[in-house]
Amino acid sequence: MIASAIVTAPLFAQAEGGGSSALAFLFPLIILGGLFYVILILPQRRRQKKMEQMRADISVGDEVRTIGGILARVVDESDDTFTLDVGGHTMRVVKRAVAERVDEGEA
């Protein structure tokens, strides 16, 4: 009986004053989580939206560069693929494989 009182007494003492220490422990984690979101996640989402908009704006006749570095002209478009003309040969690629639209002056 005395041994259990000795063991549980420090636990009750910690519970009484532990409210502020839990908040002090969580506050830096919340700040780090917010910084992580602002520094890493938001810029990635912006980049992803910009790429999706660029791919949606590509139309037949545009010159594009694929993620593999192939320069080609778009000759057909379906829901999720482009048909590209590469020097007289055609190839189908998924829209996600298009890295950028090439301006006529750059090609």
N, C-alpha and C. Protein backbone atom coordinates (compact mmCIF):
# COMPACT_ATOMS: atom_id res chain seq x y z
N MET A 1 0.81 -1.18 0.00
CA MET A 1 0.00 0.00 0.00
C MET A 1 0.86 1.26 0.00
N ILE A 2 1.87 1.26 0.82
CA ILE A 2 2.76 2.42 0.90
C ILE A 2 3.57 2.53 -0.39
N ALA A 3 3.97 1.38 -0.94
CA ALA A 3 4.75 1.40 -2.17
C ALA A 3 3.94 1.99 -3.33
N SER A 4 2.66 1.63 -3.41
CA SER A 4 1.84 2.18 -4.49
C SER A 4 1.61 3.67 -4.30
N ALA A 5 1.51 4.14 -3.08
CA ALA A 5 1.35 5.57 -2.83
C ALA A 5 2.61 6.32 -3.22
N ILE A 6 3.77 5.71 -2.99
CA ILE A 6 5.03 6.36 -3.36
C ILE A 6 5.16 6.44 -4.88
N VAL A 7 4.71 5.41 -5.58
CA VAL A 7 4.82 5.38 -7.04
C VAL A 7 3.81 6.33 -7.68
N THR A 8 2.58 6.37 -7.18
CA THR A 8 1.54 7.18 -7.82
C THR A 8 1.62 8.66 -7.42
N ALA A 9 2.23 9.00 -6.33
CA ALA A 9 2.32 10.41 -5.90
C ALA A 9 3.03 11.27 -6.95
N PRO A 10 4.17 10.85 -7.49
CA PRO A 10 4.81 11.70 -8.52
C PRO A 10 3.96 11.81 -9.79
N LEU A 11 3.19 10.77 -10.12
CA LEU A 11 2.35 10.84 -11.31
C LEU A 11 1.27 11.90 -11.16
N PHE A 12 0.64 11.97 -9.97
CA PHE A 12 -0.37 13.00 -9.75
C PHE A 12 0.24 14.38 -9.72
N ALA A 13 1.44 14.50 -9.21
CA ALA A 13 2.11 15.80 -9.18
C ALA A 13 2.42 16.27 -10.60
N GLN A 14 2.79 15.37 -11.48
CA GLN A 14 3.07 15.74 -12.86
C GLN A 14 1.79 16.12 -13.59
N ALA A 15 0.69 15.44 -13.29
CA ALA A 15 -0.57 15.72 -13.97
C ALA A 15 -1.09 17.11 -13.63
N GLU A 16 -0.84 17.58 -12.40
CA GLU A 16 -1.33 18.89 -12.00
C GLU A 16 -0.59 20.01 -12.74
N GLY A 17 0.71 19.91 -12.87
CA GLY A 17 1.48 20.97 -13.51
C GLY A 17 1.81 20.67 -14.95
N GLY A 18 1.31 19.60 -15.51
CA GLY A 18 1.69 19.18 -16.86
C GLY A 18 0.94 19.88 -17.98
N GLY A 19 -0.07 20.65 -17.70
CA GLY A 19 -0.85 21.30 -18.73
C GLY A 19 -0.04 22.28 -19.55
N SER A 20 0.75 23.09 -18.90
CA SER A 20 1.53 24.07 -19.64
C SER A 20 2.71 23.41 -20.36
N SER A 21 3.24 22.33 -19.83
CA SER A 21 4.36 21.67 -20.50
C SER A 21 3.90 20.97 -21.78
N ALA A 22 2.67 20.48 -21.80
CA ALA A 22 2.16 19.85 -23.03
C ALA A 22 1.98 20.91 -24.11
N LEU A 23 1.49 22.08 -23.74
CA LEU A 23 1.33 23.16 -24.70
C LEU A 23 2.69 23.66 -25.17
N ALA A 24 3.62 23.75 -24.25
CA ALA A 24 4.98 24.18 -24.61
C ALA A 24 5.65 23.16 -25.53
N PHE A 25 5.28 21.90 -25.39
CA PHE A 25 5.84 20.86 -26.25
C PHE A 25 5.19 20.89 -27.64
N LEU A 26 3.89 21.12 -27.72
CA LEU A 26 3.17 21.09 -28.99
C LEU A 26 3.37 22.35 -29.82
N PHE A 27 3.57 23.49 -29.19
CA PHE A 27 3.69 24.75 -29.92
C PHE A 27 4.83 24.74 -30.94
N PRO A 28 6.03 24.32 -30.60
CA PRO A 28 7.09 24.26 -31.62
C PRO A 28 6.78 23.28 -32.75
N LEU A 29 6.11 22.18 -32.43
CA LEU A 29 5.74 21.21 -33.48
C LEU A 29 4.73 21.81 -34.44
N ILE A 30 3.80 22.59 -33.92
CA ILE A 30 2.80 23.24 -34.77
C ILE A 30 3.49 24.28 -35.66
N ILE A 31 4.41 25.03 -35.10
CA ILE A 31 5.16 26.03 -35.88
C ILE A 31 5.97 25.34 -36.97
N LEU A 32 6.66 24.24 -36.64
CA LEU A 32 7.44 23.51 -37.64
C LEU A 32 6.54 22.93 -38.73
N GLY A 33 5.39 22.43 -38.36
CA GLY A 33 4.44 21.91 -39.34
C GLY A 33 3.97 23.00 -40.29
N GLY A 34 3.69 24.19 -39.75
CA GLY A 34 3.29 25.31 -40.59
C GLY A 34 4.39 25.74 -41.54
N LEU A 35 5.63 25.80 -41.05
CA LEU A 35 6.76 26.16 -41.90
C LEU A 35 6.98 25.11 -42.99
N PHE A 36 6.86 23.85 -42.63
CA PHE A 36 7.01 22.77 -43.61
C PHE A 36 5.98 22.93 -44.72
N TYR A 37 4.75 23.25 -44.35
CA TYR A 37 3.68 23.42 -45.33
C TYR A 37 3.98 24.60 -46.25
N VAL A 38 4.39 25.73 -45.68
CA VAL A 38 4.63 26.94 -46.47
C VAL A 38 5.86 26.79 -47.35
N ILE A 39 6.91 26.18 -46.85
CA ILE A 39 8.17 26.10 -47.60
C ILE A 39 8.16 24.99 -48.65
N LEU A 40 7.54 23.85 -48.36
CA LEU A 40 7.62 22.71 -49.26
C LEU A 40 6.33 22.43 -50.03
N ILE A 41 5.22 22.41 -49.38
CA ILE A 41 3.99 21.94 -50.01
C ILE A 41 3.35 23.00 -50.91
N LEU A 42 3.24 24.24 -50.45
CA LEU A 42 2.61 25.28 -51.27
C LEU A 42 3.33 25.52 -52.60
N PRO A 43 4.67 25.67 -52.62
CA PRO A 43 5.33 25.86 -53.92
C PRO A 43 5.14 24.67 -54.86
N GLN A 44 5.14 23.46 -54.33
CA GLN A 44 4.93 22.28 -55.17
C GLN A 44 3.53 22.29 -55.78
N ARG A 45 2.54 22.67 -55.01
CA ARG A 45 1.17 22.75 -55.54
C ARG A 45 1.07 23.80 -56.62
N ARG A 46 1.72 24.95 -56.42
CA ARG A 46 1.70 26.00 -57.44
C ARG A 46 2.34 25.52 -58.74
N ARG A 47 3.50 24.84 -58.62
CA ARG A 47 4.19 24.31 -59.79
C ARG A 47 3.30 23.30 -60.52
N GLN A 48 2.65 22.43 -59.75
CA GLN A 48 1.80 21.41 -60.34
C GLN A 48 0.61 22.04 -61.08
N LYS A 49 -0.02 23.04 -60.49
CA LYS A 49 -1.14 23.71 -61.15
C LYS A 49 -0.68 24.41 -62.42
N LYS A 50 0.51 25.01 -62.38
CA LYS A 50 1.04 25.69 -63.56
C LYS A 50 1.29 24.69 -64.69
N MET A 51 1.85 23.51 -64.36
CA MET A 51 2.09 22.48 -65.37
C MET A 51 0.78 21.95 -65.94
N GLU A 52 -0.22 21.73 -65.10
CA GLU A 52 -1.51 21.24 -65.57
C GLU A 52 -2.16 22.27 -66.50
N GLN A 53 -2.04 23.55 -66.18
CA GLN A 53 -2.61 24.59 -67.03
C GLN A 53 -1.87 24.65 -68.36
N MET A 54 -0.55 24.50 -68.34
CA MET A 54 0.24 24.52 -69.57
C MET A 54 -0.16 23.35 -70.47
N ARG A 55 -0.34 22.18 -69.89
CA ARG A 55 -0.73 21.01 -70.68
C ARG A 55 -2.14 21.16 -71.23
N ALA A 56 -3.02 21.82 -70.47
CA ALA A 56 -4.38 22.03 -70.95
C ALA A 56 -4.41 23.04 -72.10
N ASP A 57 -3.46 23.97 -72.12
CA ASP A 57 -3.42 25.00 -73.16
C ASP A 57 -2.78 24.54 -74.46
N ILE A 58 -2.12 23.39 -74.45
CA ILE A 58 -1.47 22.89 -75.67
C ILE A 58 -2.54 22.43 -76.65
N SER A 59 -2.37 22.85 -77.90
CA SER A 59 -3.33 22.46 -78.93
C SER A 59 -2.59 21.87 -80.13
N VAL A 60 -3.36 21.37 -81.08
CA VAL A 60 -2.78 20.78 -82.29
C VAL A 60 -1.97 21.85 -83.02
N GLY A 61 -0.76 21.49 -83.43
CA GLY A 61 0.12 22.41 -84.13
C GLY A 61 1.21 22.99 -83.26
N ASP A 62 1.08 22.91 -81.93
CA ASP A 62 2.11 23.43 -81.04
C ASP A 62 3.32 22.53 -81.03
N GLU A 63 4.48 23.13 -80.86
CA GLU A 63 5.71 22.35 -80.73
C GLU A 63 6.00 22.18 -79.25
N VAL A 64 6.31 20.95 -78.84
CA VAL A 64 6.52 20.64 -77.43
C VAL A 64 7.82 19.88 -77.24
N ARG A 65 8.29 19.88 -75.99
CA ARG A 65 9.44 19.07 -75.59
C ARG A 65 8.95 18.10 -74.53
N THR A 66 9.27 16.82 -74.71
CA THR A 66 8.85 15.82 -73.74
C THR A 66 9.87 15.76 -72.60
N ILE A 67 9.53 15.02 -71.55
CA ILE A 67 10.45 14.90 -70.42
C ILE A 67 11.70 14.12 -70.81
N GLY A 68 11.64 13.40 -71.94
CA GLY A 68 12.81 12.69 -72.45
C GLY A 68 13.66 13.54 -73.37
N GLY A 69 13.23 14.79 -73.64
CA GLY A 69 14.00 15.69 -74.47
C GLY A 69 13.65 15.65 -75.94
N ILE A 70 12.60 14.95 -76.32
CA ILE A 70 12.19 14.86 -77.72
C ILE A 70 11.40 16.10 -78.09
N LEU A 71 11.82 16.76 -79.17
CA LEU A 71 11.08 17.90 -79.70
C LEU A 71 10.16 17.41 -80.80
N ALA A 72 8.87 17.77 -80.70
CA ALA A 72 7.89 17.27 -81.67
C ALA A 72 6.74 18.25 -81.79
N ARG A 73 5.94 18.05 -82.83
CA ARG A 73 4.76 18.88 -83.06
C ARG A 73 3.52 18.03 -82.75
N VAL A 74 2.56 18.62 -82.06
CA VAL A 74 1.32 17.93 -81.70
C VAL A 74 0.43 17.85 -82.94
N VAL A 75 0.03 16.62 -83.29
CA VAL A 75 -0.85 16.44 -84.45
C VAL A 75 -2.25 15.96 -84.05
N ASP A 76 -2.40 15.43 -82.85
CA ASP A 76 -3.71 14.98 -82.38
C ASP A 76 -3.70 14.98 -80.87
N GLU A 77 -4.90 15.13 -80.29
CA GLU A 77 -5.03 15.17 -78.84
C GLU A 77 -6.25 14.36 -78.44
N SER A 78 -6.10 13.52 -77.42
CA SER A 78 -7.25 12.82 -76.86
C SER A 78 -7.33 13.18 -75.37
N ASP A 79 -8.13 12.46 -74.62
CA ASP A 79 -8.33 12.81 -73.22
C ASP A 79 -7.04 12.86 -72.42
N ASP A 80 -6.22 11.84 -72.54
CA ASP A 80 -5.00 11.79 -71.73
C ASP A 80 -3.73 11.58 -72.54
N THR A 81 -3.80 11.67 -73.86
CA THR A 81 -2.60 11.48 -74.68
C THR A 81 -2.50 12.54 -75.77
N PHE A 82 -1.27 12.74 -76.21
CA PHE A 82 -0.98 13.54 -77.39
C PHE A 82 -0.38 12.62 -78.43
N THR A 83 -0.68 12.87 -79.70
CA THR A 83 0.02 12.20 -80.79
C THR A 83 0.98 13.24 -81.35
N LEU A 84 2.27 12.88 -81.36
CA LEU A 84 3.31 13.81 -81.76
C LEU A 84 3.94 13.40 -83.08
N ASP A 85 4.29 14.37 -83.89
CA ASP A 85 4.99 14.14 -85.14
C ASP A 85 6.47 14.46 -84.89
N VAL A 86 7.30 13.42 -85.06
CA VAL A 86 8.73 13.57 -84.83
C VAL A 86 9.44 13.27 -86.14
N GLY A 87 9.66 14.28 -86.94
CA GLY A 87 10.38 14.10 -88.20
C GLY A 87 9.74 13.11 -89.14
N GLY A 88 8.43 13.15 -89.30
CA GLY A 88 7.74 12.25 -90.22
C GLY A 88 7.21 10.99 -89.56
N HIS A 89 7.60 10.73 -88.34
CA HIS A 89 7.09 9.57 -87.59
C HIS A 89 6.19 10.07 -86.48
N THR A 90 5.14 9.32 -86.18
CA THR A 90 4.25 9.73 -85.10
C THR A 90 4.46 8.83 -83.90
N MET A 91 4.22 9.41 -82.75
CA MET A 91 4.29 8.65 -81.50
C MET A 91 3.24 9.21 -80.55
N ARG A 92 2.69 8.32 -79.73
CA ARG A 92 1.71 8.73 -78.73
C ARG A 92 2.39 8.81 -77.38
N VAL A 93 2.13 9.88 -76.65
CA VAL A 93 2.66 10.03 -75.30
C VAL A 93 1.52 10.50 -74.39
N VAL A 94 1.62 10.16 -73.13
CA VAL A 94 0.65 10.67 -72.17
C VAL A 94 0.92 12.15 -71.96
N LYS A 95 -0.10 12.88 -71.61
CA LYS A 95 0.05 14.33 -71.46
C LYS A 95 1.06 14.70 -70.38
N ARG A 96 1.18 13.87 -69.36
CA ARG A 96 2.15 14.15 -68.29
C ARG A 96 3.58 14.07 -68.77
N ALA A 97 3.82 13.47 -69.94
CA ALA A 97 5.18 13.35 -70.46
C ALA A 97 5.64 14.61 -71.17
N VAL A 98 4.75 15.57 -71.36
CA VAL A 98 5.13 16.84 -72.00
C VAL A 98 5.69 17.76 -70.93
N ALA A 99 6.94 18.18 -71.13
CA ALA A 99 7.59 19.04 -70.15
C ALA A 99 7.31 20.51 -70.38
N GLU A 100 7.28 20.94 -71.66
CA GLU A 100 7.04 22.34 -71.94
C GLU A 100 6.62 22.55 -73.38
N ARG A 101 6.01 23.69 -73.62
CA ARG A 101 5.70 24.11 -74.99
C ARG A 101 6.89 24.94 -75.47
N VAL A 102 7.38 24.63 -76.66
CA VAL A 102 8.55 25.31 -77.20
C VAL A 102 8.07 26.45 -78.09
N ASP A 103 8.59 27.63 -77.85
CA ASP A 103 8.28 28.77 -78.73
C ASP A 103 8.94 28.58 -80.06
N GLU A 104 8.36 29.12 -81.08
CA GLU A 104 8.91 28.96 -82.44
C GLU A 104 10.32 29.55 -82.54
N GLY A 105 10.62 30.59 -81.79
CA GLY A 105 11.96 31.20 -81.85
C GLY A 105 13.02 30.34 -81.19
N GLU A 106 12.65 29.48 -80.23
CA GLU A 106 13.61 28.65 -79.52
C GLU A 106 14.01 27.41 -80.31
N ALA A 107 13.13 26.89 -81.16
CA ALA A 107 13.35 25.62 -81.83
C ALA A 107 14.39 25.70 -82.88
